[in-house]
Amino acid sequence: MILRRIGSDIILVPFGNALKDHNGLFMLTESACFLWEQLPECNSVEELAKKLFDEYDVTEEQALADTKEFINKLVELEIIDL
């Protein structure tokens, strides 16, 4: 997947092998975009949630809940494996 910003929209675009599994684009919020960009650097959901907490004005509990929801959605859509 490639992340693209087009105007105010943030989009994940499938390419290569992902094209055969995903024939559409994925719209992201700013916080989802932040999490996506942090994925390669993080080894756990908790580490990713901590980065979200540090970056945005949310509680630690909300950061963890939002991060889990984001990761679960990526797994559900078969964009990432755990």
N, C-alpha and C. Protein backbone atom coordinates (compact mmCIF):
# COMPACT_ATOMS: atom_id res chain seq x y z
N MET A 1 0.84 -1.18 0.00
CA MET A 1 0.00 0.00 0.00
C MET A 1 0.88 1.25 0.00
N ILE A 2 0.44 2.23 -0.73
CA ILE A 2 1.12 3.52 -0.78
C ILE A 2 0.19 4.56 -0.18
N LEU A 3 0.74 5.40 0.67
CA LEU A 3 -0.02 6.49 1.27
C LEU A 3 0.09 7.72 0.37
N ARG A 4 -1.06 8.30 0.04
CA ARG A 4 -1.08 9.51 -0.79
C ARG A 4 -1.96 10.56 -0.14
N ARG A 5 -1.52 11.79 -0.21
CA ARG A 5 -2.33 12.93 0.22
C ARG A 5 -2.76 13.67 -1.04
N ILE A 6 -4.06 13.80 -1.19
CA ILE A 6 -4.63 14.50 -2.34
C ILE A 6 -5.56 15.55 -1.78
N GLY A 7 -5.10 16.79 -1.82
CA GLY A 7 -5.85 17.87 -1.18
C GLY A 7 -5.91 17.59 0.30
N SER A 8 -7.12 17.57 0.84
CA SER A 8 -7.27 17.29 2.28
C SER A 8 -7.53 15.81 2.55
N ASP A 9 -7.56 14.99 1.50
CA ASP A 9 -7.81 13.56 1.65
C ASP A 9 -6.51 12.79 1.83
N ILE A 10 -6.58 11.76 2.67
CA ILE A 10 -5.45 10.86 2.87
C ILE A 10 -5.92 9.48 2.44
N ILE A 11 -5.20 8.88 1.50
CA ILE A 11 -5.66 7.66 0.85
C ILE A 11 -4.56 6.61 0.86
N LEU A 12 -4.93 5.37 1.15
CA LEU A 12 -4.04 4.22 0.96
C LEU A 12 -4.39 3.62 -0.39
N VAL A 13 -3.39 3.48 -1.23
CA VAL A 13 -3.59 2.98 -2.59
C VAL A 13 -2.89 1.62 -2.71
N PRO A 14 -3.64 0.57 -3.06
CA PRO A 14 -2.99 -0.72 -3.25
C PRO A 14 -2.15 -0.72 -4.52
N PHE A 15 -1.03 -1.45 -4.47
CA PHE A 15 -0.20 -1.62 -5.66
C PHE A 15 0.44 -3.01 -5.61
N GLY A 16 1.03 -3.43 -6.70
CA GLY A 16 1.68 -4.74 -6.75
C GLY A 16 0.72 -5.86 -6.41
N ASN A 17 1.15 -6.79 -5.56
CA ASN A 17 0.32 -7.93 -5.18
C ASN A 17 -0.96 -7.52 -4.47
N ALA A 18 -0.95 -6.36 -3.80
CA ALA A 18 -2.13 -5.89 -3.09
C ALA A 18 -3.29 -5.59 -4.04
N LEU A 19 -2.98 -5.31 -5.30
CA LEU A 19 -4.03 -5.01 -6.27
C LEU A 19 -4.98 -6.18 -6.48
N LYS A 20 -4.44 -7.40 -6.43
CA LYS A 20 -5.30 -8.56 -6.65
C LYS A 20 -6.26 -8.80 -5.49
N ASP A 21 -5.88 -8.34 -4.30
CA ASP A 21 -6.71 -8.54 -3.12
C ASP A 21 -7.60 -7.35 -2.80
N HIS A 22 -7.20 -6.16 -3.22
CA HIS A 22 -7.93 -4.94 -2.88
C HIS A 22 -8.12 -4.11 -4.15
N ASN A 23 -9.35 -3.95 -4.56
CA ASN A 23 -9.60 -3.22 -5.79
C ASN A 23 -10.11 -1.82 -5.54
N GLY A 24 -9.94 -1.31 -4.32
CA GLY A 24 -10.41 0.03 -4.01
C GLY A 24 -9.38 0.80 -3.22
N LEU A 25 -9.69 2.04 -2.96
CA LEU A 25 -8.84 2.91 -2.16
C LEU A 25 -9.36 2.93 -0.74
N PHE A 26 -8.49 3.26 0.21
CA PHE A 26 -8.86 3.33 1.61
C PHE A 26 -8.62 4.74 2.12
N MET A 27 -9.68 5.38 2.59
CA MET A 27 -9.57 6.73 3.13
C MET A 27 -9.14 6.64 4.59
N LEU A 28 -8.22 7.52 5.00
CA LEU A 28 -7.74 7.54 6.37
C LEU A 28 -7.99 8.90 7.01
N THR A 29 -8.20 8.89 8.31
CA THR A 29 -8.24 10.13 9.08
C THR A 29 -6.80 10.54 9.36
N GLU A 30 -6.62 11.73 9.91
CA GLU A 30 -5.26 12.19 10.27
C GLU A 30 -4.62 11.24 11.28
N SER A 31 -5.39 10.83 12.29
CA SER A 31 -4.82 9.95 13.31
C SER A 31 -4.53 8.56 12.74
N ALA A 32 -5.39 8.06 11.86
CA ALA A 32 -5.13 6.77 11.22
C ALA A 32 -3.89 6.85 10.34
N CYS A 33 -3.72 7.97 9.66
CA CYS A 33 -2.52 8.20 8.85
C CYS A 33 -1.28 8.18 9.74
N PHE A 34 -1.36 8.84 10.89
CA PHE A 34 -0.24 8.86 11.83
C PHE A 34 0.09 7.43 12.25
N LEU A 35 -0.92 6.65 12.62
CA LEU A 35 -0.68 5.27 13.02
C LEU A 35 -0.06 4.45 11.89
N TRP A 36 -0.57 4.63 10.68
CA TRP A 36 -0.03 3.91 9.52
C TRP A 36 1.45 4.21 9.34
N GLU A 37 1.80 5.48 9.47
CA GLU A 37 3.20 5.88 9.29
C GLU A 37 4.10 5.35 10.40
N GLN A 38 3.54 5.09 11.57
CA GLN A 38 4.31 4.58 12.70
C GLN A 38 4.45 3.05 12.71
N LEU A 39 3.61 2.37 11.95
CA LEU A 39 3.60 0.90 11.97
C LEU A 39 4.98 0.26 11.82
N PRO A 40 5.81 0.69 10.86
CA PRO A 40 7.10 0.01 10.69
C PRO A 40 8.03 0.13 11.90
N GLU A 41 7.85 1.17 12.71
CA GLU A 41 8.74 1.41 13.85
C GLU A 41 8.28 0.74 15.13
N CYS A 42 7.06 0.24 15.17
CA CYS A 42 6.48 -0.26 16.42
C CYS A 42 6.41 -1.78 16.43
N ASN A 43 6.64 -2.34 17.61
CA ASN A 43 6.63 -3.79 17.77
C ASN A 43 5.40 -4.31 18.49
N SER A 44 4.53 -3.40 18.94
CA SER A 44 3.32 -3.83 19.65
C SER A 44 2.23 -2.78 19.51
N VAL A 45 1.01 -3.21 19.78
CA VAL A 45 -0.12 -2.29 19.76
C VAL A 45 0.07 -1.23 20.85
N GLU A 46 0.59 -1.66 21.99
CA GLU A 46 0.80 -0.73 23.10
C GLU A 46 1.83 0.35 22.74
N GLU A 47 2.87 -0.03 22.05
CA GLU A 47 3.88 0.95 21.62
C GLU A 47 3.29 1.94 20.62
N LEU A 48 2.47 1.43 19.72
CA LEU A 48 1.80 2.28 18.74
C LEU A 48 0.83 3.23 19.44
N ALA A 49 0.08 2.72 20.42
CA ALA A 49 -0.86 3.54 21.18
C ALA A 49 -0.13 4.64 21.94
N LYS A 50 1.04 4.34 22.48
CA LYS A 50 1.84 5.34 23.20
C LYS A 50 2.24 6.47 22.28
N LYS A 51 2.60 6.15 21.06
CA LYS A 51 2.95 7.19 20.08
C LYS A 51 1.74 8.07 19.77
N LEU A 52 0.56 7.44 19.65
CA LEU A 52 -0.67 8.19 19.40
C LEU A 52 -0.97 9.11 20.58
N PHE A 53 -0.83 8.59 21.79
CA PHE A 53 -1.05 9.37 23.00
C PHE A 53 -0.10 10.57 23.05
N ASP A 54 1.15 10.35 22.71
CA ASP A 54 2.15 11.43 22.74
C ASP A 54 1.88 12.51 21.69
N GLU A 55 1.27 12.11 20.58
CA GLU A 55 1.07 13.04 19.45
C GLU A 55 -0.26 13.81 19.53
N TYR A 56 -1.30 13.16 20.06
CA TYR A 56 -2.63 13.75 20.05
C TYR A 56 -3.15 13.98 21.47
N ASP A 57 -4.12 14.84 21.58
CA ASP A 57 -4.71 15.19 22.87
C ASP A 57 -5.81 14.18 23.22
N VAL A 58 -5.38 12.96 23.59
CA VAL A 58 -6.31 11.90 23.98
C VAL A 58 -5.77 11.24 25.24
N THR A 59 -6.66 10.55 25.94
CA THR A 59 -6.21 9.80 27.12
C THR A 59 -5.47 8.54 26.65
N GLU A 60 -4.72 7.96 27.57
CA GLU A 60 -4.02 6.71 27.24
C GLU A 60 -5.01 5.61 26.88
N GLU A 61 -6.13 5.58 27.59
CA GLU A 61 -7.16 4.57 27.34
C GLU A 61 -7.76 4.74 25.95
N GLN A 62 -8.04 6.00 25.57
CA GLN A 62 -8.61 6.27 24.26
C GLN A 62 -7.60 5.95 23.15
N ALA A 63 -6.34 6.30 23.38
CA ALA A 63 -5.29 6.00 22.40
C ALA A 63 -5.19 4.49 22.17
N LEU A 64 -5.24 3.72 23.25
CA LEU A 64 -5.15 2.27 23.11
C LEU A 64 -6.39 1.71 22.40
N ALA A 65 -7.56 2.19 22.77
CA ALA A 65 -8.80 1.72 22.13
C ALA A 65 -8.80 2.05 20.64
N ASP A 66 -8.41 3.28 20.28
CA ASP A 66 -8.38 3.68 18.88
C ASP A 66 -7.34 2.88 18.09
N THR A 67 -6.21 2.63 18.71
CA THR A 67 -5.15 1.88 18.04
C THR A 67 -5.59 0.44 17.80
N LYS A 68 -6.22 -0.17 18.80
CA LYS A 68 -6.72 -1.54 18.63
C LYS A 68 -7.77 -1.60 17.51
N GLU A 69 -8.66 -0.62 17.49
CA GLU A 69 -9.68 -0.58 16.43
C GLU A 69 -9.04 -0.46 15.05
N PHE A 70 -8.03 0.41 14.93
CA PHE A 70 -7.33 0.60 13.66
C PHE A 70 -6.64 -0.69 13.22
N ILE A 71 -5.90 -1.31 14.12
CA ILE A 71 -5.18 -2.54 13.79
C ILE A 71 -6.17 -3.65 13.43
N ASN A 72 -7.24 -3.78 14.19
CA ASN A 72 -8.24 -4.81 13.89
C ASN A 72 -8.85 -4.61 12.51
N LYS A 73 -9.10 -3.38 12.14
CA LYS A 73 -9.66 -3.09 10.81
C LYS A 73 -8.67 -3.47 9.71
N LEU A 74 -7.39 -3.15 9.91
CA LEU A 74 -6.38 -3.52 8.92
C LEU A 74 -6.27 -5.03 8.77
N VAL A 75 -6.37 -5.75 9.88
CA VAL A 75 -6.33 -7.21 9.84
C VAL A 75 -7.58 -7.74 9.15
N GLU A 76 -8.74 -7.19 9.50
CA GLU A 76 -10.01 -7.61 8.90
C GLU A 76 -9.99 -7.44 7.38
N LEU A 77 -9.40 -6.33 6.93
CA LEU A 77 -9.32 -6.06 5.48
C LEU A 77 -8.13 -6.78 4.83
N GLU A 78 -7.39 -7.54 5.62
CA GLU A 78 -6.23 -8.29 5.15
C GLU A 78 -5.15 -7.40 4.57
N ILE A 79 -5.02 -6.20 5.16
CA ILE A 79 -3.97 -5.27 4.76
C ILE A 79 -2.69 -5.59 5.50
N ILE A 80 -2.82 -6.04 6.75
CA ILE A 80 -1.66 -6.48 7.54
C ILE A 80 -1.98 -7.83 8.16
N ASP A 81 -0.93 -8.55 8.55
CA ASP A 81 -1.05 -9.80 9.30
C ASP A 81 -0.47 -9.57 10.69
N LEU A 82 -1.03 -10.25 11.67
CA LEU A 82 -0.45 -10.20 13.01
C LEU A 82 0.19 -11.52 13.34
